[in-house]
Protein backbone atom coordinates (compact mmCIF):
# COMPACT_ATOMS: atom_id res chain seq x y z
CA MET A 1 0.57 84.85 -81.16
CA PRO A 2 2.56 85.58 -78.00
CA PRO A 3 6.11 84.07 -78.43
CA SER A 4 6.66 81.08 -76.15
CA SER A 5 8.50 81.83 -72.93
CA PRO A 6 12.17 80.05 -72.35
CA PRO A 7 11.87 76.62 -70.99
CA SER A 8 13.86 76.10 -67.56
CA PRO A 9 15.22 74.10 -67.05
CA PRO A 10 15.17 72.11 -70.76
CA SER A 11 13.54 68.87 -69.50
CA THR A 12 12.15 66.58 -72.01
CA LEU A 13 13.82 65.77 -74.93
CA LEU A 14 11.79 65.26 -77.96
CA LEU A 15 13.17 63.48 -81.03
CA ILE A 16 11.20 63.57 -84.50
CA ASP A 17 11.58 60.88 -87.10
CA LEU A 18 14.77 59.58 -86.79
CA GLN A 19 14.32 56.87 -89.26
CA LEU A 20 16.23 55.32 -92.45
CA ALA A 21 13.41 56.22 -94.66
CA LEU A 22 15.49 59.65 -94.65
CA ASP A 23 18.42 57.78 -96.32
CA HIS A 24 16.36 56.60 -99.17
CA PRO A 25 17.91 58.72 -102.38
CA SER A 26 14.80 59.53 -103.58
CA TRP A 27 14.78 62.58 -101.03
CA GLY A 28 17.39 64.49 -102.60
CA GLN A 29 20.28 66.52 -100.83
CA ARG A 30 20.24 67.48 -97.50
CA ASN A 31 21.78 69.88 -95.18
CA GLN A 32 23.78 69.52 -91.78
CA PRO A 33 25.23 66.46 -92.58
CA GLU A 34 26.72 65.86 -88.75
CA ALA A 35 23.06 66.34 -87.38
CA GLU A 36 23.39 63.04 -86.21
CA ILE A 37 26.07 63.49 -84.01
CA GLN A 38 24.77 66.43 -82.33
CA LEU A 39 21.91 64.22 -81.54
CA GLY A 40 23.95 61.76 -80.19
CA ARG A 41 25.51 64.49 -77.55
CA LEU A 42 21.86 65.23 -76.83
CA LEU A 43 20.75 61.81 -76.00
CA ALA A 44 24.06 61.34 -74.28
CA ALA A 45 23.14 64.30 -71.93
CA TRP A 46 19.61 63.72 -71.36
CA ARG A 47 20.36 60.01 -70.61
CA GLY A 48 22.81 60.98 -68.39
CA ARG A 49 20.94 62.76 -66.00
CA GLY A 50 17.97 60.62 -66.40
CA LEU A 51 15.64 63.14 -67.95
CA PRO A 52 12.84 62.39 -70.40
CA VAL A 53 13.66 61.17 -73.71
CA LEU A 54 10.46 60.58 -75.96
CA HIS A 55 10.73 59.25 -79.53
CA LEU A 56 8.23 60.12 -82.62
CA ARG A 57 8.07 57.60 -85.79
CA HIS A 58 6.08 58.53 -88.66
CA PHE A 59 4.31 55.42 -90.56
CA SER A 60 2.93 56.96 -93.46
CA ASN A 61 -0.41 55.42 -95.48
CA GLU A 62 0.84 56.55 -99.15
CA PRO A 63 1.71 53.02 -100.67
CA SER A 64 5.09 55.23 -102.49
CA SER A 65 6.43 56.65 -99.27
CA THR A 66 9.35 55.57 -97.65
CA TYR A 67 7.92 55.63 -94.40
CA ARG A 68 5.36 53.10 -94.99
CA PRO A 69 5.16 50.30 -92.49
CA GLY A 70 6.35 46.69 -93.47
CA GLN A 71 9.88 48.05 -94.83
CA ALA A 72 13.33 48.86 -93.79
CA GLY A 73 12.42 52.37 -93.60
CA VAL A 74 10.22 52.46 -90.62
CA ALA A 75 13.24 51.36 -88.50
CA PHE A 76 15.18 54.20 -86.13
CA LYS A 77 18.38 55.02 -87.49
CA PRO A 78 21.50 53.16 -85.97
CA GLY A 79 21.93 54.87 -82.47
CA LEU A 80 19.77 57.25 -82.47
CA GLY A 81 16.64 54.73 -81.44
CA PRO A 82 14.69 54.16 -78.26
CA LEU A 83 16.35 52.34 -75.13
CA PRO A 84 14.05 50.48 -73.22
CA GLY A 85 11.74 52.53 -71.12
CA GLU A 86 12.04 55.36 -73.58
CA PRO A 87 8.70 56.10 -74.82
CA VAL A 88 7.59 55.58 -78.57
CA PHE A 89 4.89 57.75 -79.90
CA THR A 90 3.59 56.94 -83.75
CA LYS A 91 2.31 59.30 -85.81
CA SER A 92 0.79 59.37 -89.60
CA VAL A 93 0.34 63.51 -89.73
CA HIS A 94 2.98 66.26 -89.49
CA ALA A 95 2.68 67.37 -85.88
CA ALA A 96 3.90 64.77 -82.79
CA PHE A 97 0.60 65.51 -81.21
CA VAL A 98 -2.10 64.81 -83.33
CA GLY A 99 -3.39 61.31 -82.57
CA THR A 100 -0.60 59.78 -80.73
CA GLY A 101 -1.07 60.61 -77.24
CA LEU A 102 1.84 62.57 -76.65
CA ASN A 103 -0.16 65.50 -75.10
CA ALA A 104 -2.23 63.76 -72.55
CA TRP A 105 1.20 62.06 -71.77
CA LEU A 106 3.31 65.23 -70.93
CA GLN A 107 0.43 66.70 -69.06
CA GLN A 108 0.30 63.64 -66.81
CA ARG A 109 3.50 63.88 -66.08
CA GLY A 110 3.85 67.84 -65.62
CA LEU A 111 6.11 68.26 -68.06
CA GLN A 112 5.99 71.70 -70.05
CA ASN A 113 9.17 72.32 -71.35
CA LEU A 114 10.55 70.51 -74.71
CA VAL A 115 13.69 70.14 -76.36
CA ILE A 116 12.92 69.33 -79.90
CA ALA A 117 15.27 67.89 -82.54
CA GLY A 118 14.99 65.71 -85.70
CA ALA A 119 13.58 66.07 -88.94
CA ILE A 120 12.29 67.23 -91.32
CA THR A 121 12.80 70.89 -90.32
CA ASP A 122 10.37 72.49 -92.59
CA ASN A 123 8.09 69.59 -92.02
CA SER A 124 7.38 67.78 -88.84
CA VAL A 125 9.98 69.79 -86.73
CA GLU A 126 7.94 72.85 -87.65
CA ALA A 127 4.81 71.79 -87.20
CA THR A 128 5.29 69.94 -84.03
CA ALA A 129 6.89 73.30 -82.30
CA ARG A 130 3.74 75.45 -83.85
CA LEU A 131 1.22 73.14 -82.46
CA ALA A 132 3.61 72.78 -78.89
CA SER A 133 3.28 77.43 -78.43
CA ASP A 134 -0.67 76.53 -79.12
CA LEU A 135 -0.88 73.94 -76.43
CA GLY A 136 0.97 76.02 -74.08
CA TYR A 137 4.46 74.77 -74.11
CA ALA A 138 7.77 76.35 -73.62
CA SER A 139 10.12 74.69 -76.08
CA THR A 140 13.95 75.09 -77.77
CA VAL A 141 14.49 73.90 -81.09
CA VAL A 142 17.89 72.82 -81.66
CA ALA A 143 18.94 73.94 -85.20
CA ASP A 144 22.14 72.02 -85.86
CA ALA A 145 20.02 68.64 -84.79
CA CYS A 146 17.83 68.91 -87.43
CA PHE A 147 17.76 68.89 -90.90
CA THR A 148 15.94 69.58 -94.54
CA PHE A 149 15.87 68.36 -97.96
CA GLY A 150 16.35 70.82 -101.17
CA ARG A 151 13.11 70.98 -103.75
CA PRO A 152 12.16 73.52 -106.23
CA ASP A 153 9.80 76.22 -105.13
CA ARG A 154 6.32 77.04 -107.04
CA HIS A 155 8.03 78.59 -109.94
CA GLY A 156 10.21 75.54 -110.27
CA GLU A 157 13.72 76.86 -109.18
CA TYR A 158 15.66 74.58 -106.90
CA ARG A 159 16.37 75.91 -103.36
CA ALA A 160 18.93 74.89 -101.56
CA ALA A 161 18.36 72.61 -98.15
CA GLU A 162 20.35 75.29 -96.15
CA LEU A 163 18.01 78.12 -97.32
CA ILE A 164 14.68 76.21 -96.55
CA HIS A 165 16.55 74.74 -93.14
CA GLU A 166 17.22 78.32 -92.17
CA LEU A 167 13.74 79.97 -93.34
CA SER A 168 11.78 77.57 -91.86
CA LEU A 169 13.69 77.99 -88.14
CA SER A 170 13.81 82.04 -88.77
CA ARG A 171 9.70 81.38 -88.66
CA LEU A 172 9.90 79.51 -85.75
CA GLN A 173 12.54 81.49 -83.46
CA GLY A 174 11.04 83.78 -81.02
CA GLU A 175 7.01 83.78 -82.15
CA TYR A 176 6.84 80.08 -81.29
CA THR A 177 10.30 78.54 -80.02
CA ARG A 178 13.78 79.57 -79.02
CA VAL A 179 16.23 78.19 -81.72
CA LEU A 180 19.71 77.31 -80.20
CA ASP A 181 22.26 75.21 -81.51
CA THR A 182 23.73 71.95 -79.29
CA ASP A 183 26.38 73.66 -77.67
CA ALA A 184 24.30 75.89 -76.09
CA VAL A 185 21.37 73.61 -75.00
CA LEU A 186 23.88 71.43 -73.10
CA GLU A 187 25.75 74.68 -71.56
CA GLU A 188 22.34 75.60 -70.13
CA LEU A 189 21.92 71.84 -69.28
CA GLU A 190 25.07 72.14 -67.49
CA GLY A 191 24.38 75.30 -65.63
CA GLY A 192 21.89 73.42 -63.36
CA ASP A 193 21.56 70.18 -61.41
CA PHE A 194 18.98 67.98 -63.34
CA ARG A 195 19.25 64.76 -62.58
CA VAL A 196 16.82 62.32 -61.35
CA PRO A 197 17.48 61.81 -57.70
CA GLN A 198 18.85 58.69 -56.41
CA VAL A 199 19.91 56.72 -53.48
CA PRO A 200 23.25 55.76 -54.37
CA PRO A 201 24.32 51.72 -53.12
CA PRO A 202 27.92 50.94 -51.70
CA PRO A 203 29.84 51.27 -54.33
CA ARG A 204 31.80 48.05 -56.37
CA GLU A 205 34.90 49.01 -53.80
CA HIS A 206 32.61 47.93 -50.94
CA LEU A 207 31.64 43.94 -52.44
CA SER A 208 35.08 42.71 -51.29
CA ALA A 209 34.00 42.97 -47.84
CA LEU A 210 30.47 41.48 -48.33
CA PRO A 211 30.01 38.36 -46.45
CA ARG A 212 30.54 35.40 -48.29
CA GLN A 213 26.79 34.55 -47.67
CA ARG A 214 25.40 37.57 -48.98
CA ARG A 215 26.90 37.08 -52.50
CA TRP A 216 25.30 35.38 -55.35
CA ARG A 217 26.29 31.59 -54.78
CA GLU A 218 28.82 32.81 -52.30
CA GLN A 219 31.05 34.05 -55.22
CA ALA A 220 34.64 34.26 -54.66
CA GLN A 221 36.00 35.75 -57.58
CA PRO A 222 33.66 37.48 -60.91
CA ALA A 223 31.79 34.77 -62.61
CA ALA A 224 32.67 34.86 -66.44
CA VAL A 225 29.97 34.79 -68.30
CA VAL A 226 28.43 34.72 -72.21
CA GLY A 227 25.24 36.46 -73.61
CA VAL A 228 23.31 35.89 -76.56
CA LEU A 229 22.50 38.38 -79.05
CA LEU A 230 20.03 36.76 -81.41
CA GLN A 231 18.48 39.10 -83.88
CA ARG A 232 15.88 38.39 -87.23
CA GLU A 233 14.59 40.61 -89.59
CA GLU A 234 10.82 40.44 -89.79
CA GLN A 235 8.66 42.22 -92.63
CA GLY A 236 11.59 45.25 -92.55
CA GLU A 237 11.86 45.28 -88.57
CA ARG A 238 14.69 44.05 -86.28
CA ARG A 239 13.32 41.61 -83.62
CA THR A 240 15.63 40.27 -80.78
CA LEU A 241 14.80 37.50 -78.89
CA LEU A 242 14.93 37.54 -75.00
CA LEU A 243 14.29 35.32 -72.09
CA LYS A 244 11.95 35.86 -69.19
CA ARG A 245 14.37 34.92 -66.24
CA ARG A 246 12.85 32.26 -64.06
CA TYR A 247 15.48 32.25 -61.27
CA PRO A 248 17.96 34.60 -59.66
CA PRO A 249 19.58 36.96 -60.04
CA TYR A 250 17.07 39.29 -62.19
CA ALA A 251 14.46 36.62 -61.67
CA GLY A 252 10.97 37.82 -63.41
CA LEU A 253 12.82 40.56 -65.58
CA TRP A 254 13.63 39.96 -69.85
CA SER A 255 17.29 39.74 -70.66
CA LEU A 256 19.37 38.45 -73.24
CA PRO A 257 19.45 34.51 -72.98
CA GLY A 258 23.13 33.29 -71.69
CA GLY A 259 24.73 31.85 -68.64
CA LYS A 260 27.74 30.32 -67.48
CA TRP A 261 31.20 29.91 -69.16
CA GLU A 262 32.08 26.49 -68.67
CA PHE A 263 35.39 25.37 -67.53
CA GLY A 264 37.45 24.25 -70.69
CA GLU A 265 34.90 25.78 -73.70
CA THR A 266 35.91 28.18 -76.14
CA LEU A 267 33.83 30.98 -76.05
CA ALA A 268 32.24 30.15 -79.22
CA GLN A 269 31.18 26.74 -77.66
CA ALA A 270 29.74 28.36 -74.47
CA ALA A 271 27.78 30.76 -76.46
CA LEU A 272 26.33 27.93 -79.21
CA ARG A 273 25.56 25.73 -76.26
CA GLU A 274 23.68 28.39 -74.42
CA ALA A 275 21.76 29.31 -77.23
CA LYS A 276 20.60 26.09 -77.47
CA GLU A 277 20.02 25.25 -74.21
CA GLU A 278 17.76 28.19 -73.70
CA THR A 279 16.05 28.94 -77.13
CA GLY A 280 16.31 25.76 -78.89
CA LEU A 281 18.09 27.20 -82.00
CA ALA A 282 20.90 25.91 -83.62
CA ALA A 283 22.77 29.07 -84.68
CA GLU A 284 26.17 30.06 -85.82
CA PHE A 285 28.76 32.23 -84.14
CA ARG A 286 29.35 35.57 -85.53
CA GLY A 287 31.89 37.26 -82.99
CA LEU A 288 32.24 38.99 -79.67
CA ALA A 289 30.16 42.05 -79.72
CA ALA A 290 30.81 43.86 -76.07
CA LEU A 291 32.26 42.96 -72.66
CA LEU A 292 30.51 44.28 -69.55
CA ASP A 293 31.86 44.34 -66.42
CA GLU A 294 28.97 44.14 -64.04
CA CYS A 295 28.34 44.64 -60.60
CA LEU A 296 25.03 44.25 -58.30
CA CYS A 297 25.40 46.13 -55.41
CA PRO A 298 23.02 45.50 -52.34
CA SER A 299 20.95 48.63 -51.27
CA GLU A 300 19.43 47.06 -48.16
CA ALA A 301 19.95 44.44 -45.68
CA GLY A 302 19.22 40.95 -47.05
CA ALA A 303 19.84 42.09 -50.46
CA GLN A 304 22.84 40.46 -52.32
CA GLY A 305 25.70 41.31 -54.41
CA ALA A 306 27.39 39.90 -57.58
CA HIS A 307 29.94 40.42 -59.85
CA PHE A 308 30.02 39.27 -63.40
CA LEU A 309 32.03 39.64 -66.67
CA LEU A 310 29.48 38.85 -69.48
CA HIS A 311 30.61 38.17 -72.57
CA LEU A 312 28.10 39.33 -75.58
CA CYS A 313 28.27 37.28 -78.36
CA ARG A 314 26.49 37.80 -81.91
CA LEU A 315 24.82 34.57 -83.28
CA HIS A 316 22.89 34.18 -86.41
CA ALA A 317 19.82 32.05 -86.66
CA PRO A 318 17.36 33.38 -89.43
CA THR A 319 15.45 30.44 -89.28
CA GLY A 320 13.72 27.94 -86.82
CA GLU A 321 11.44 28.45 -83.74
CA VAL A 322 12.65 28.72 -80.38
CA ALA A 323 11.57 25.90 -77.72
CA ALA A 324 10.68 26.18 -74.34
CA SER A 325 12.96 26.60 -71.78
CA ASP A 326 13.49 25.32 -68.02
CA GLU A 327 15.08 28.99 -67.29
CA GLY A 328 11.94 30.97 -68.39
CA GLU A 329 9.70 32.40 -71.02
CA LEU A 330 11.08 33.05 -74.67
CA GLY A 331 9.87 36.32 -76.92
CA TRP A 332 11.19 38.08 -80.11
CA PHE A 333 10.61 42.21 -79.67
CA GLY A 334 10.73 45.08 -81.84
CA ASP A 335 12.42 47.89 -81.24
CA ALA A 336 9.24 49.49 -80.08
CA GLU A 337 8.31 46.56 -77.73
CA LEU A 338 11.59 46.71 -76.35
CA ALA A 339 11.47 50.36 -75.55
CA ALA A 340 8.01 49.32 -73.99
CA LEU A 341 9.18 47.07 -71.09
CA GLY A 342 10.54 49.72 -69.33
CA GLU A 343 11.77 48.17 -65.60
CA ALA A 344 10.53 44.75 -66.94
CA MET A 345 14.01 44.42 -68.58
CA VAL A 346 17.00 43.79 -66.90
CA PRO A 347 18.53 47.69 -66.94
CA SER A 348 22.62 46.44 -68.04
CA ASP A 349 20.99 44.72 -70.95
CA ALA A 350 18.60 47.57 -71.95
CA ARG A 351 21.72 49.68 -71.91
CA LEU A 352 23.65 47.30 -74.01
CA LEU A 353 21.14 46.81 -76.85
CA GLY A 354 20.99 50.78 -76.90
CA GLU A 355 24.67 50.91 -77.35
CA LEU A 356 25.36 48.44 -79.50
CA SER A 357 23.89 50.13 -82.69
CA ALA A 358 26.38 52.85 -82.31
CA LEU A 359 29.50 50.41 -82.20
CA VAL A 360 32.19 49.59 -85.17
CA ASP A 361 34.24 47.58 -83.01
CA VAL A 362 34.13 45.60 -79.28
CA GLY A 363 32.71 47.47 -76.82
CA TYR A 364 33.84 47.63 -72.85
CA PHE A 365 31.37 48.89 -70.72
CA GLU A 366 31.06 49.11 -66.88
CA ALA A 367 27.63 48.82 -65.00
CA GLU A 368 26.44 49.12 -61.28
CA VAL A 369 23.03 48.33 -60.25
CA ALA A 370 21.52 48.38 -57.21
CA VAL A 371 19.29 45.47 -56.08
CA ASP A 372 17.30 45.18 -53.00
CA ALA A 373 16.02 42.16 -50.93
CA THR A 374 13.28 41.61 -53.73
CA GLY A 375 15.28 41.54 -56.33
CA ALA A 376 14.30 45.01 -57.62
CA ALA A 377 17.07 46.26 -60.08
CA ARG A 378 18.01 49.69 -60.39
CA MET A 379 21.02 51.39 -62.93
CA GLN A 380 23.49 53.76 -60.74
CA ARG A 381 26.12 53.77 -63.57
CA PHE A 382 26.18 52.76 -66.90
CA GLN A 383 29.88 53.34 -68.53
CA ARG A 384 31.85 53.02 -72.05
CA ARG A 385 35.39 52.63 -71.12
CA GLY A 386 36.85 51.33 -74.55
């Protein structure tokens, strides 16, 4: 079999089976304890350039499997799951291309170069890289962003995870794929301009010169607003409550519930009031999750600008039915359903949800969103500042 030609540029990041199932002690000793750090670096680099990020998740039909649907193990690892708009493909066998529609998705978009990372090195990662070669893809497996587990060989002698990992990569190297570490992959990425071209809107510095009549509600200063993060566990899956906005800005888009912080209210009072008004749920205040300094920058004549300081609050409401809201439609979304929303979700809310799972403390973020005269929104910059 001829070796795969080196991909140039490495365009599509394919993350395999990064689920909580792998943390179960039944798997035994694993190698690469810092693989999740390298995976986070890859994700940040791809997302920062607007390059495609695809997620594979495994659902097992075996009753004893940690990947069996309906339990916590099927959820993505914190910080490594999909953001809204990033496709998720579900498989029940080893190779990512079997029974998932992945090959058709890539072919329809002319994507031929893959960067593969995830778990397990000698199982789904190796099977995917081999089949990718047979299907004509050029690929790179990121060695330090993959891992496996130690196990006995056919004679009963225990083989360490690192040995199994290296043997698997050695079988792949040259004949089926390239094998590189994260530093080398990112160096290649830095060597070219792989960003998705975008037409920049006027930066936030120009908003102060925007006529009052072209500002949302004729803003004279940033509006202090509260956002509500309500999540539940249902059959081992985390679900997040969203509201489909009826009114500008962001009319017609799914967003986190929330609204204006009224004069004289504490932050907790404002969050609980907004939750009750927009969802009908009586909740408990759990704390501040994030601050977002967000500017809506007009990209054409007729578009409105706006400036918000969003205080995103964690609330707890494990029971109760949501009530119809004058603000719009309500719905609970699993992680895969959130990822499938794509451009139907407020872009800054989508990015915030993706960042929150990796936060230990309160995060501060800045966002600039381009809006046109129809209200269509496109993220231009999203950056964590602290």
